[in-house]
Amino acid sequence: MPKNITFYYPGKYFPSLSVTGGACALECKHCNRHYLKGMKDVSSPEKLWNVALGISASGGYGFLLSGGSDISGRVNIKRFLPVIKRIKDDTNLVINFHSGVIHSREEAFEIYASGIDIVSLDFVTSDETIKNVYGTSNKYLDYTNSLKYFIETGIAVVPHITIGLHGGKIVGEYQAIDALSEFGNDVKEVVFIIFIPTRGTAYEGVPIVNPEDVDAVFRYARKKLPGKLVLGCMRPRKPEYEMSAVNNNFDGIVIPGSASRKFTESKGMEIKDVKSCCSLMAIDDVFI
């Protein structure tokens, strides 16, 4: 059992922004654009600049830059790269980019050159899940190559594994962990999120993932992965999931419930509360 664990509370200090507003070319069965509604619209470079200045002026630490995907499964920020560089030059904000799949080293290096601090990469290794949930023509290799390209730039890249992404079923999660283990210490942090049955999606009536299945994935990840492990914000609010993360020596949990805090304290662990995005655990030069 580790001596300490970090609890993350991003909120207004690290908001989520969408470069596409509510638009997305895909109709993913687990999302169908629903989660874009909770992000701030920064669908033009001017909007992004003004919102970033507001975050900085109000004492924020940074932001998650995300958005809807194009048909290839990529969040295309090419036209935003100049203003991102300006934000990095003129403020102290940390930028975490939720990239989606990329298809070349050149794209990875363009993103790196803008000054983006972290890339959060959804990591899926089941071709069946990619086809049936996302509806794209991508394959397992496209996700591993995306990770490889970002690692080659030197940027901090944080793979995210969604447990139960395939309609609440465990399909490919262990394979994804095995694939990440091949990258060794080049992957400093892995975030686990858990499928949420969401109204207005094809999976809205699907049951949540069995906590025992989640616990088994957590145990396997802790055994196979050398880096830090975090339970991310996108998940049903089940204390069993959070307590499993504690029992499996996870390094962080985003917005845990009060029961989980008491459970953690009962283990004699020291809790550090941080007002930021959990992916910041991957960079050593930022301490909040």
C-alpha atoms as a PDB file:
ATOM      1  CA  MET A   1       0.000   0.000   0.000  1.00  0.00           C
ATOM      2  CA  PRO A   2       1.499   3.393  -0.976  1.00  0.00           C
ATOM      3  CA  LYS A   3       2.079   5.994   1.690  1.00  0.00           C
ATOM      4  CA  ASN A   4       0.213   8.687  -0.195  1.00  0.00           C
ATOM      5  CA  ILE A   5      -2.365   9.239  -2.921  1.00  0.00           C
ATOM      6  CA  THR A   6      -3.434  12.330  -4.854  1.00  0.00           C
ATOM      7  CA  PHE A   7      -7.056  13.385  -5.142  1.00  0.00           C
ATOM      8  CA  TYR A   8      -7.754  15.666  -8.109  1.00  0.00           C
ATOM      9  CA  TYR A   9     -10.434  18.358  -8.292  1.00  0.00           C
ATOM     10  CA  PRO A  10     -10.054  20.153 -11.667  1.00  0.00           C
ATOM     11  CA  GLY A  11     -13.214  22.321 -11.701  1.00  0.00           C
ATOM     12  CA  LYS A  12     -12.740  25.960 -12.662  1.00  0.00           C
ATOM     13  CA  TYR A  13      -8.974  25.713 -12.195  1.00  0.00           C
ATOM     14  CA  PHE A  14      -8.608  23.290 -15.102  1.00  0.00           C
ATOM     15  CA  PRO A  15     -11.719  23.454 -17.325  1.00  0.00           C
ATOM     16  CA  SER A  16     -12.447  21.425 -20.458  1.00  0.00           C
ATOM     17  CA  LEU A  17     -12.612  23.248 -23.795  1.00  0.00           C
ATOM     18  CA  SER A  18     -13.864  22.061 -27.198  1.00  0.00           C
ATOM     19  CA  VAL A  19     -12.278  23.278 -30.436  1.00  0.00           C
ATOM     20  CA  THR A  20     -15.359  22.064 -32.337  1.00  0.00           C
ATOM     21  CA  GLY A  21     -18.076  23.310 -30.003  1.00  0.00           C
ATOM     22  CA  GLY A  22     -20.752  20.615 -30.019  1.00  0.00           C
ATOM     23  CA  ALA A  23     -19.836  19.204 -33.433  1.00  0.00           C
ATOM     24  CA  CYS A  24     -18.360  15.756 -34.095  1.00  0.00           C
ATOM     25  CA  ALA A  25     -18.170  13.726 -37.316  1.00  0.00           C
ATOM     26  CA  LEU A  26     -18.685  10.471 -35.427  1.00  0.00           C
ATOM     27  CA  GLU A  27     -21.704   8.998 -33.662  1.00  0.00           C
ATOM     28  CA  CYS A  28     -19.933   6.862 -31.091  1.00  0.00           C
ATOM     29  CA  LYS A  29     -22.225   4.483 -29.265  1.00  0.00           C
ATOM     30  CA  HIS A  30     -20.996   5.525 -25.811  1.00  0.00           C
ATOM     31  CA  CYS A  31     -21.047   9.306 -26.332  1.00  0.00           C
ATOM     32  CA  ASN A  32     -22.881  10.543 -29.461  1.00  0.00           C
ATOM     33  CA  ARG A  33     -21.605  14.105 -28.811  1.00  0.00           C
ATOM     34  CA  HIS A  34     -23.139  14.201 -25.312  1.00  0.00           C
ATOM     35  CA  TYR A  35     -19.939  15.058 -23.452  1.00  0.00           C
ATOM     36  CA  LEU A  36     -19.086  17.956 -25.762  1.00  0.00           C
ATOM     37  CA  LYS A  37     -22.029  19.813 -24.218  1.00  0.00           C
ATOM     38  CA  GLY A  38     -20.169  20.138 -20.937  1.00  0.00           C
ATOM     39  CA  MET A  39     -17.133  21.777 -22.535  1.00  0.00           C
ATOM     40  CA  LYS A  40     -16.551  25.475 -23.193  1.00  0.00           C
ATOM     41  CA  ASP A  41     -16.895  26.345 -26.880  1.00  0.00           C
ATOM     42  CA  VAL A  42     -13.568  27.569 -28.290  1.00  0.00           C
ATOM     43  CA  SER A  43     -14.337  26.818 -31.931  1.00  0.00           C
ATOM     44  CA  SER A  44     -12.185  29.632 -33.300  1.00  0.00           C
ATOM     45  CA  PRO A  45      -8.612  30.670 -32.465  1.00  0.00           C
ATOM     46  CA  GLU A  46      -9.951  33.996 -31.185  1.00  0.00           C
ATOM     47  CA  LYS A  47     -12.318  32.242 -28.778  1.00  0.00           C
ATOM     48  CA  LEU A  48      -9.538  30.009 -27.517  1.00  0.00           C
ATOM     49  CA  TRP A  49      -7.247  32.980 -26.907  1.00  0.00           C
ATOM     50  CA  ASN A  50      -9.894  34.934 -24.989  1.00  0.00           C
ATOM     51  CA  VAL A  51     -10.969  31.956 -22.887  1.00  0.00           C
ATOM     52  CA  ALA A  52      -7.353  31.115 -22.075  1.00  0.00           C
ATOM     53  CA  LEU A  53      -6.697  34.678 -20.936  1.00  0.00           C
ATOM     54  CA  GLY A  54      -9.764  34.463 -18.710  1.00  0.00           C
ATOM     55  CA  ILE A  55      -8.572  31.219 -17.140  1.00  0.00           C
ATOM     56  CA  SER A  56      -5.162  32.743 -16.478  1.00  0.00           C
ATOM     57  CA  ALA A  57      -6.619  35.953 -15.010  1.00  0.00           C
ATOM     58  CA  SER A  58      -8.876  34.009 -12.650  1.00  0.00           C
ATOM     59  CA  GLY A  59      -5.999  31.975 -11.213  1.00  0.00           C
ATOM     60  CA  GLY A  60      -6.504  28.804 -13.227  1.00  0.00           C
ATOM     61  CA  TYR A  61      -3.660  26.352 -13.771  1.00  0.00           C
ATOM     62  CA  GLY A  62      -4.508  25.299 -17.302  1.00  0.00           C
ATOM     63  CA  PHE A  63      -7.100  23.520 -19.397  1.00  0.00           C
ATOM     64  CA  LEU A  64      -7.993  20.344 -21.238  1.00  0.00           C
ATOM     65  CA  LEU A  65      -8.211  21.039 -24.970  1.00  0.00           C
ATOM     66  CA  SER A  66     -10.553  18.556 -26.589  1.00  0.00           C
ATOM     67  CA  GLY A  67     -13.359  18.487 -29.127  1.00  0.00           C
ATOM     68  CA  GLY A  68     -15.249  16.349 -31.573  1.00  0.00           C
ATOM     69  CA  SER A  69     -13.398  14.026 -33.920  1.00  0.00           C
ATOM     70  CA  ASP A  70     -13.133  14.132 -37.680  1.00  0.00           C
ATOM     71  CA  ILE A  71     -14.009  11.007 -39.643  1.00  0.00           C
ATOM     72  CA  SER A  72     -10.523   9.580 -39.023  1.00  0.00           C
ATOM     73  CA  GLY A  73     -10.958   9.734 -35.248  1.00  0.00           C
ATOM     74  CA  ARG A  74      -8.669  12.739 -34.788  1.00  0.00           C
ATOM     75  CA  VAL A  75      -9.328  16.002 -32.944  1.00  0.00           C
ATOM     76  CA  ASN A  76      -7.912  18.356 -35.563  1.00  0.00           C
ATOM     77  CA  ILE A  77      -6.233  21.399 -34.014  1.00  0.00           C
ATOM     78  CA  LYS A  78      -3.953  22.381 -36.895  1.00  0.00           C
ATOM     79  CA  ARG A  79      -5.494  25.858 -37.284  1.00  0.00           C
ATOM     80  CA  PHE A  80      -5.233  26.404 -33.513  1.00  0.00           C
ATOM     81  CA  LEU A  81      -1.512  25.657 -33.212  1.00  0.00           C
ATOM     82  CA  PRO A  82      -0.316  29.296 -33.652  1.00  0.00           C
ATOM     83  CA  VAL A  83      -2.628  30.589 -30.907  1.00  0.00           C
ATOM     84  CA  ILE A  84      -1.666  27.667 -28.659  1.00  0.00           C
ATOM     85  CA  LYS A  85       1.971  28.683 -29.027  1.00  0.00           C
ATOM     86  CA  ARG A  86       1.000  32.257 -28.174  1.00  0.00           C
ATOM     87  CA  ILE A  87      -0.839  31.083 -25.057  1.00  0.00           C
ATOM     88  CA  LYS A  88       2.208  29.091 -23.970  1.00  0.00           C
ATOM     89  CA  ASP A  89       4.506  32.079 -24.614  1.00  0.00           C
ATOM     90  CA  ASP A  90       2.334  34.631 -22.835  1.00  0.00           C
ATOM     91  CA  THR A  91       0.849  32.703 -19.891  1.00  0.00           C
ATOM     92  CA  ASN A  92       1.824  30.026 -17.391  1.00  0.00           C
ATOM     93  CA  LEU A  93      -1.107  27.792 -18.308  1.00  0.00           C
ATOM     94  CA  VAL A  94      -0.610  24.046 -18.679  1.00  0.00           C
ATOM     95  CA  ILE A  95      -2.330  22.564 -21.738  1.00  0.00           C
ATOM     96  CA  ASN A  96      -3.487  18.950 -21.879  1.00  0.00           C
ATOM     97  CA  PHE A  97      -4.596  17.993 -25.396  1.00  0.00           C
ATOM     98  CA  HIS A  98      -7.081  15.146 -25.918  1.00  0.00           C
ATOM     99  CA  SER A  99      -5.840  14.218 -29.364  1.00  0.00           C
ATOM    100  CA  GLY A 100      -7.622  11.194 -30.728  1.00  0.00           C
ATOM    101  CA  VAL A 101      -5.743   9.122 -33.289  1.00  0.00           C
ATOM    102  CA  ILE A 102      -2.988  10.748 -35.343  1.00  0.00           C
ATOM    103  CA  HIS A 103      -1.535   9.250 -38.492  1.00  0.00           C
ATOM    104  CA  SER A 104       2.004  10.596 -38.873  1.00  0.00           C
ATOM    105  CA  ARG A 105       5.139  11.603 -36.986  1.00  0.00           C
ATOM    106  CA  GLU A 106       4.901  14.993 -38.651  1.00  0.00           C
ATOM    107  CA  GLU A 107       1.561  15.667 -36.984  1.00  0.00           C
ATOM    108  CA  ALA A 108       2.963  14.636 -33.602  1.00  0.00           C
ATOM    109  CA  PHE A 109       5.931  16.989 -33.987  1.00  0.00           C
ATOM    110  CA  GLU A 110       3.682  19.884 -35.059  1.00  0.00           C
ATOM    111  CA  ILE A 111       1.659  19.422 -31.879  1.00  0.00           C
ATOM    112  CA  TYR A 112       4.835  19.207 -29.807  1.00  0.00           C
ATOM    113  CA  ALA A 113       6.243  22.389 -31.391  1.00  0.00           C
ATOM    114  CA  SER A 114       3.184  24.393 -30.269  1.00  0.00           C
ATOM    115  CA  GLY A 115       4.254  23.945 -26.640  1.00  0.00           C
ATOM    116  CA  ILE A 116       1.403  21.667 -25.568  1.00  0.00           C
ATOM    117  CA  ASP A 117       2.475  20.066 -22.284  1.00  0.00           C
ATOM    118  CA  ILE A 118       0.548  16.785 -22.240  1.00  0.00           C
ATOM    119  CA  VAL A 119      -1.335  14.601 -24.690  1.00  0.00           C
ATOM    120  CA  SER A 120      -4.186  12.446 -23.388  1.00  0.00           C
ATOM    121  CA  LEU A 121      -4.660   9.558 -25.814  1.00  0.00           C
ATOM    122  CA  ASP A 122      -7.606   7.170 -25.741  1.00  0.00           C
ATOM    123  CA  PHE A 123      -5.927   3.791 -26.129  1.00  0.00           C
ATOM    124  CA  VAL A 124      -7.947   0.980 -27.707  1.00  0.00           C
ATOM    125  CA  THR A 125      -6.491  -2.294 -28.990  1.00  0.00           C
ATOM    126  CA  SER A 126      -9.629  -4.210 -29.938  1.00  0.00           C
ATOM    127  CA  ASP A 127     -10.379  -3.832 -33.660  1.00  0.00           C
ATOM    128  CA  GLU A 128     -13.898  -5.046 -32.912  1.00  0.00           C
ATOM    129  CA  THR A 129     -14.444  -2.247 -30.385  1.00  0.00           C
ATOM    130  CA  ILE A 130     -12.950   0.404 -32.664  1.00  0.00           C
ATOM    131  CA  LYS A 131     -15.313  -0.605 -35.474  1.00  0.00           C
ATOM    132  CA  ASN A 132     -18.463  -1.182 -33.442  1.00  0.00           C
ATOM    133  CA  VAL A 133     -18.190   1.673 -30.915  1.00  0.00           C
ATOM    134  CA  TYR A 134     -16.383   4.450 -32.809  1.00  0.00           C
ATOM    135  CA  GLY A 135     -17.416   3.421 -36.313  1.00  0.00           C
ATOM    136  CA  THR A 136     -14.028   4.330 -37.793  1.00  0.00           C
ATOM    137  CA  SER A 137     -11.718   2.336 -40.045  1.00  0.00           C
ATOM    138  CA  ASN A 138      -8.846   2.614 -37.568  1.00  0.00           C
ATOM    139  CA  LYS A 139      -7.098  -0.479 -36.292  1.00  0.00           C
ATOM    140  CA  TYR A 140      -5.120  -1.465 -33.213  1.00  0.00           C
ATOM    141  CA  LEU A 141      -1.914  -0.384 -34.975  1.00  0.00           C
ATOM    142  CA  ASP A 142      -3.214   3.172 -35.427  1.00  0.00           C
ATOM    143  CA  TYR A 143      -3.472   3.585 -31.658  1.00  0.00           C
ATOM    144  CA  THR A 144      -0.075   2.065 -30.899  1.00  0.00           C
ATOM    145  CA  ASN A 145       1.497   4.173 -33.654  1.00  0.00           C
ATOM    146  CA  SER A 146      -0.129   7.330 -32.277  1.00  0.00           C
ATOM    147  CA  LEU A 147       1.409   6.579 -28.905  1.00  0.00           C
ATOM    148  CA  LYS A 148       4.778   5.819 -30.477  1.00  0.00           C
ATOM    149  CA  TYR A 149       4.815   9.034 -32.514  1.00  0.00           C
ATOM    150  CA  PHE A 150       4.055  11.180 -29.466  1.00  0.00           C
ATOM    151  CA  ILE A 151       6.689   9.408 -27.374  1.00  0.00           C
ATOM    152  CA  GLU A 152       9.257  10.092 -30.105  1.00  0.00           C
ATOM    153  CA  THR A 153       8.662  13.849 -29.747  1.00  0.00           C
ATOM    154  CA  GLY A 154       9.389  13.778 -26.019  1.00  0.00           C
ATOM    155  CA  ILE A 155       5.971  15.161 -25.086  1.00  0.00           C
ATOM    156  CA  ALA A 156       4.290  13.662 -22.015  1.00  0.00           C
ATOM    157  CA  VAL A 157       1.624  11.322 -23.354  1.00  0.00           C
ATOM    158  CA  VAL A 158      -0.952   9.748 -21.044  1.00  0.00           C
ATOM    159  CA  PRO A 159      -2.891   6.778 -22.433  1.00  0.00           C
ATOM    160  CA  HIS A 160      -6.490   6.443 -21.254  1.00  0.00           C
ATOM    161  CA  ILE A 161      -8.157   3.032 -21.122  1.00  0.00           C
ATOM    162  CA  THR A 162     -11.961   2.922 -20.867  1.00  0.00           C
ATOM    163  CA  ILE A 163     -13.057  -0.162 -18.963  1.00  0.00           C
ATOM    164  CA  GLY A 164     -16.271  -1.513 -20.476  1.00  0.00           C
ATOM    165  CA  LEU A 165     -16.135   0.718 -23.566  1.00  0.00           C
ATOM    166  CA  HIS A 166     -17.677  -2.063 -25.663  1.00  0.00           C
ATOM    167  CA  GLY A 167     -21.194  -1.749 -24.276  1.00  0.00           C
ATOM    168  CA  GLY A 168     -20.168  -2.450 -20.691  1.00  0.00           C
ATOM    169  CA  LYS A 169     -18.254  -5.608 -21.622  1.00  0.00           C
ATOM    170  CA  ILE A 170     -14.595  -6.361 -20.985  1.00  0.00           C
ATOM    171  CA  VAL A 171     -13.243  -6.560 -24.528  1.00  0.00           C
ATOM    172  CA  GLY A 172      -9.597  -5.744 -25.122  1.00  0.00           C
ATOM    173  CA  GLU A 173      -8.744  -4.056 -21.815  1.00  0.00           C
ATOM    174  CA  TYR A 174      -6.149  -6.681 -20.889  1.00  0.00           C
ATOM    175  CA  GLN A 175      -4.702  -6.533 -24.388  1.00  0.00           C
ATOM    176  CA  ALA A 176      -4.397  -2.753 -24.065  1.00  0.00           C
ATOM    177  CA  ILE A 177      -2.537  -3.104 -20.770  1.00  0.00           C
ATOM    178  CA  ASP A 178      -0.190  -5.672 -22.333  1.00  0.00           C
ATOM    179  CA  ALA A 179       0.468  -3.326 -25.258  1.00  0.00           C
ATOM    180  CA  LEU A 180       1.271  -0.420 -22.924  1.00  0.00           C
ATOM    181  CA  SER A 181       3.597  -2.603 -20.883  1.00  0.00           C
ATOM    182  CA  GLU A 182       5.757  -2.990 -24.008  1.00  0.00           C
ATOM    183  CA  PHE A 183       6.511   0.745 -23.873  1.00  0.00           C
ATOM    184  CA  GLY A 184       8.006   0.394 -20.390  1.00  0.00           C
ATOM    185  CA  ASN A 185       8.995   3.615 -18.657  1.00  0.00           C
ATOM    186  CA  ASP A 186       8.199   5.702 -21.736  1.00  0.00           C
ATOM    187  CA  VAL A 187       4.619   5.671 -20.429  1.00  0.00           C
ATOM    188  CA  LYS A 188       4.825   7.438 -17.085  1.00  0.00           C
ATOM    189  CA  GLU A 189       1.110   7.444 -16.321  1.00  0.00           C
ATOM    190  CA  VAL A 190      -2.007   5.556 -17.397  1.00  0.00           C
ATOM    191  CA  VAL A 191      -5.510   6.806 -16.641  1.00  0.00           C
ATOM    192  CA  PHE A 192      -8.415   4.386 -16.335  1.00  0.00           C
ATOM    193  CA  ILE A 193     -11.931   5.601 -16.941  1.00  0.00           C
ATOM    194  CA  ILE A 194     -15.088   3.496 -16.800  1.00  0.00           C
ATOM    195  CA  PHE A 195     -17.979   3.272 -19.243  1.00  0.00           C
ATOM    196  CA  ILE A 196     -21.025   5.356 -18.325  1.00  0.00           C
ATOM    197  CA  PRO A 197     -24.445   4.364 -19.748  1.00  0.00           C
ATOM    198  CA  THR A 198     -25.413   7.756 -21.176  1.00  0.00           C
ATOM    199  CA  ARG A 199     -28.856   8.991 -22.163  1.00  0.00           C
ATOM    200  CA  GLY A 200     -29.231   9.641 -25.883  1.00  0.00           C
ATOM    201  CA  THR A 201     -26.626   7.076 -26.888  1.00  0.00           C
ATOM    202  CA  ALA A 202     -26.892   3.558 -28.271  1.00  0.00           C
ATOM    203  CA  TYR A 203     -25.663   2.255 -24.924  1.00  0.00           C
ATOM    204  CA  GLU A 204     -27.976   4.215 -22.635  1.00  0.00           C
ATOM    205  CA  GLY A 205     -29.707   1.076 -21.343  1.00  0.00           C
ATOM    206  CA  VAL A 206     -26.576  -0.957 -20.752  1.00  0.00           C
ATOM    207  CA  PRO A 207     -25.734  -1.815 -17.100  1.00  0.00           C
ATOM    208  CA  ILE A 208     -22.645  -0.331 -15.531  1.00  0.00           C
ATOM    209  CA  VAL A 209     -19.508  -2.452 -15.411  1.00  0.00           C
ATOM    210  CA  ASN A 210     -19.431  -5.012 -12.606  1.00  0.00           C
ATOM    211  CA  PRO A 211     -17.107  -3.725  -9.843  1.00  0.00           C
ATOM    212  CA  GLU A 212     -15.482  -7.177  -9.672  1.00  0.00           C
ATOM    213  CA  ASP A 213     -14.521  -6.896 -13.335  1.00  0.00           C
ATOM    214  CA  VAL A 214     -13.097  -3.430 -12.739  1.00  0.00           C
ATOM    215  CA  ASP A 215     -11.114  -4.710  -9.759  1.00  0.00           C
ATOM    216  CA  ALA A 216      -9.649  -7.526 -11.860  1.00  0.00           C
ATOM    217  CA  VAL A 217      -8.490  -5.046 -14.528  1.00  0.00           C
ATOM    218  CA  PHE A 218      -6.976  -2.798 -11.857  1.00  0.00           C
ATOM    219  CA  ARG A 219      -5.075  -5.717 -10.321  1.00  0.00           C
ATOM    220  CA  TYR A 220      -3.698  -6.733 -13.701  1.00  0.00           C
ATOM    221  CA  ALA A 221      -2.674  -3.157 -14.534  1.00  0.00           C
ATOM    222  CA  ARG A 222      -0.839  -2.730 -11.252  1.00  0.00           C
ATOM    223  CA  LYS A 223       1.052  -5.959 -11.919  1.00  0.00           C
ATOM    224  CA  LYS A 224       1.962  -5.167 -15.545  1.00  0.00           C
ATOM    225  CA  LEU A 225       2.508  -1.408 -15.717  1.00  0.00           C
ATOM    226  CA  PRO A 226       5.541   0.311 -14.171  1.00  0.00           C
ATOM    227  CA  GLY A 227       4.152   3.853 -14.233  1.00  0.00           C
ATOM    228  CA  LYS A 228       1.621   5.732 -12.172  1.00  0.00           C
ATOM    229  CA  LEU A 229      -2.035   4.689 -12.325  1.00  0.00           C
ATOM    230  CA  VAL A 230      -5.003   7.007 -11.900  1.00  0.00           C
ATOM    231  CA  LEU A 231      -8.773   6.534 -11.776  1.00  0.00           C
ATOM    232  CA  GLY A 232     -10.046   9.348 -13.994  1.00  0.00           C
ATOM    233  CA  CYS A 233     -13.110  11.553 -13.870  1.00  0.00           C
ATOM    234  CA  MET A 234     -15.246   9.835 -16.517  1.00  0.00           C
ATOM    235  CA  ARG A 235     -16.930   7.014 -14.612  1.00  0.00           C
ATOM    236  CA  PRO A 236     -20.122   6.143 -12.758  1.00  0.00           C
ATOM    237  CA  ARG A 237     -19.878   7.414  -9.201  1.00  0.00           C
ATOM    238  CA  LYS A 238     -19.576   4.024  -7.501  1.00  0.00           C
ATOM    239  CA  PRO A 239     -17.520   3.931  -4.283  1.00  0.00           C
ATOM    240  CA  GLU A 240     -16.571   0.326  -5.111  1.00  0.00           C
ATOM    241  CA  TYR A 241     -14.559   1.552  -8.098  1.00  0.00           C
ATOM    242  CA  GLU A 242     -12.726   4.114  -5.996  1.00  0.00           C
ATOM    243  CA  MET A 243     -12.000   1.738  -3.129  1.00  0.00           C
ATOM    244  CA  SER A 244     -10.682  -0.790  -5.639  1.00  0.00           C
ATOM    245  CA  ALA A 245      -8.270   1.848  -6.940  1.00  0.00           C
ATOM    246  CA  VAL A 246      -7.043   2.442  -3.383  1.00  0.00           C
ATOM    247  CA  ASN A 247      -6.663  -1.280  -2.692  1.00  0.00           C
ATOM    248  CA  ASN A 248      -4.716  -1.739  -5.932  1.00  0.00           C
ATOM    249  CA  ASN A 249      -2.175   0.947  -5.067  1.00  0.00           C
ATOM    250  CA  PHE A 250      -3.337   3.540  -7.561  1.00  0.00           C
ATOM    251  CA  ASP A 251      -1.521   6.857  -7.343  1.00  0.00           C
ATOM    252  CA  GLY A 252      -4.520   9.126  -7.882  1.00  0.00           C
ATOM    253  CA  ILE A 253      -8.298   9.417  -8.072  1.00  0.00           C
ATOM    254  CA  VAL A 254     -10.295  12.256  -9.615  1.00  0.00           C
ATOM    255  CA  ILE A 255     -13.117  13.659  -7.489  1.00  0.00           C
ATOM    256  CA  PRO A 256     -13.539  10.753  -5.052  1.00  0.00           C
ATOM    257  CA  GLY A 257     -16.614  10.519  -2.870  1.00  0.00           C
ATOM    258  CA  SER A 258     -16.595  11.135   0.866  1.00  0.00           C
ATOM    259  CA  ALA A 259     -16.831   7.400   1.623  1.00  0.00           C
ATOM    260  CA  SER A 260     -13.696   6.777  -0.409  1.00  0.00           C
ATOM    261  CA  ARG A 261     -11.834   9.528   1.395  1.00  0.00           C
ATOM    262  CA  LYS A 262     -12.703   7.945   4.740  1.00  0.00           C
ATOM    263  CA  PHE A 263     -11.710   4.531   3.398  1.00  0.00           C
ATOM    264  CA  THR A 264      -8.348   5.893   2.224  1.00  0.00           C
ATOM    265  CA  GLU A 265      -7.703   7.553   5.564  1.00  0.00           C
ATOM    266  CA  SER A 266      -8.533   4.287   7.339  1.00  0.00           C
ATOM    267  CA  LYS A 267      -5.651   2.696   5.397  1.00  0.00           C
ATOM    268  CA  GLY A 268      -3.236   5.166   6.958  1.00  0.00           C
ATOM    269  CA  MET A 269      -2.513   6.835   3.640  1.00  0.00           C
ATOM    270  CA  GLU A 270      -1.601  10.483   3.269  1.00  0.00           C
ATOM    271  CA  ILE A 271      -3.930  12.347   0.898  1.00  0.00           C
ATOM    272  CA  LYS A 272      -2.799  15.248  -1.258  1.00  0.00           C
ATOM    273  CA  ASP A 273      -5.608  17.378  -2.713  1.00  0.00           C
ATOM    274  CA  VAL A 274      -4.812  19.039  -6.054  1.00  0.00           C
ATOM    275  CA  LYS A 275      -6.934  21.465  -8.097  1.00  0.00           C
ATOM    276  CA  SER A 276      -5.915  20.268 -11.536  1.00  0.00           C
ATOM    277  CA  CYS A 277      -6.286  17.601 -14.196  1.00  0.00           C
ATOM    278  CA  CYS A 278      -4.968  14.177 -13.218  1.00  0.00           C
ATOM    279  CA  SER A 279      -2.800  13.917 -16.355  1.00  0.00           C
ATOM    280  CA  LEU A 280      -0.430  16.447 -14.805  1.00  0.00           C
ATOM    281  CA  MET A 281       0.968  13.561 -12.790  1.00  0.00           C
ATOM    282  CA  ALA A 282       2.913  12.649 -15.938  1.00  0.00           C
ATOM    283  CA  ILE A 283       5.062  15.789 -15.907  1.00  0.00           C
ATOM    284  CA  ASP A 284       7.681  16.234 -13.244  1.00  0.00           C
ATOM    285  CA  ASP A 285       8.192  19.993 -13.577  1.00  0.00           C
ATOM    286  CA  VAL A 286       4.687  21.062 -12.518  1.00  0.00           C
ATOM    287  CA  PHE A 287       3.761  21.020  -8.850  1.00  0.00           C
ATOM    288  CA  ILE A 288       0.383  22.403  -7.841  1.00  0.00           C
END
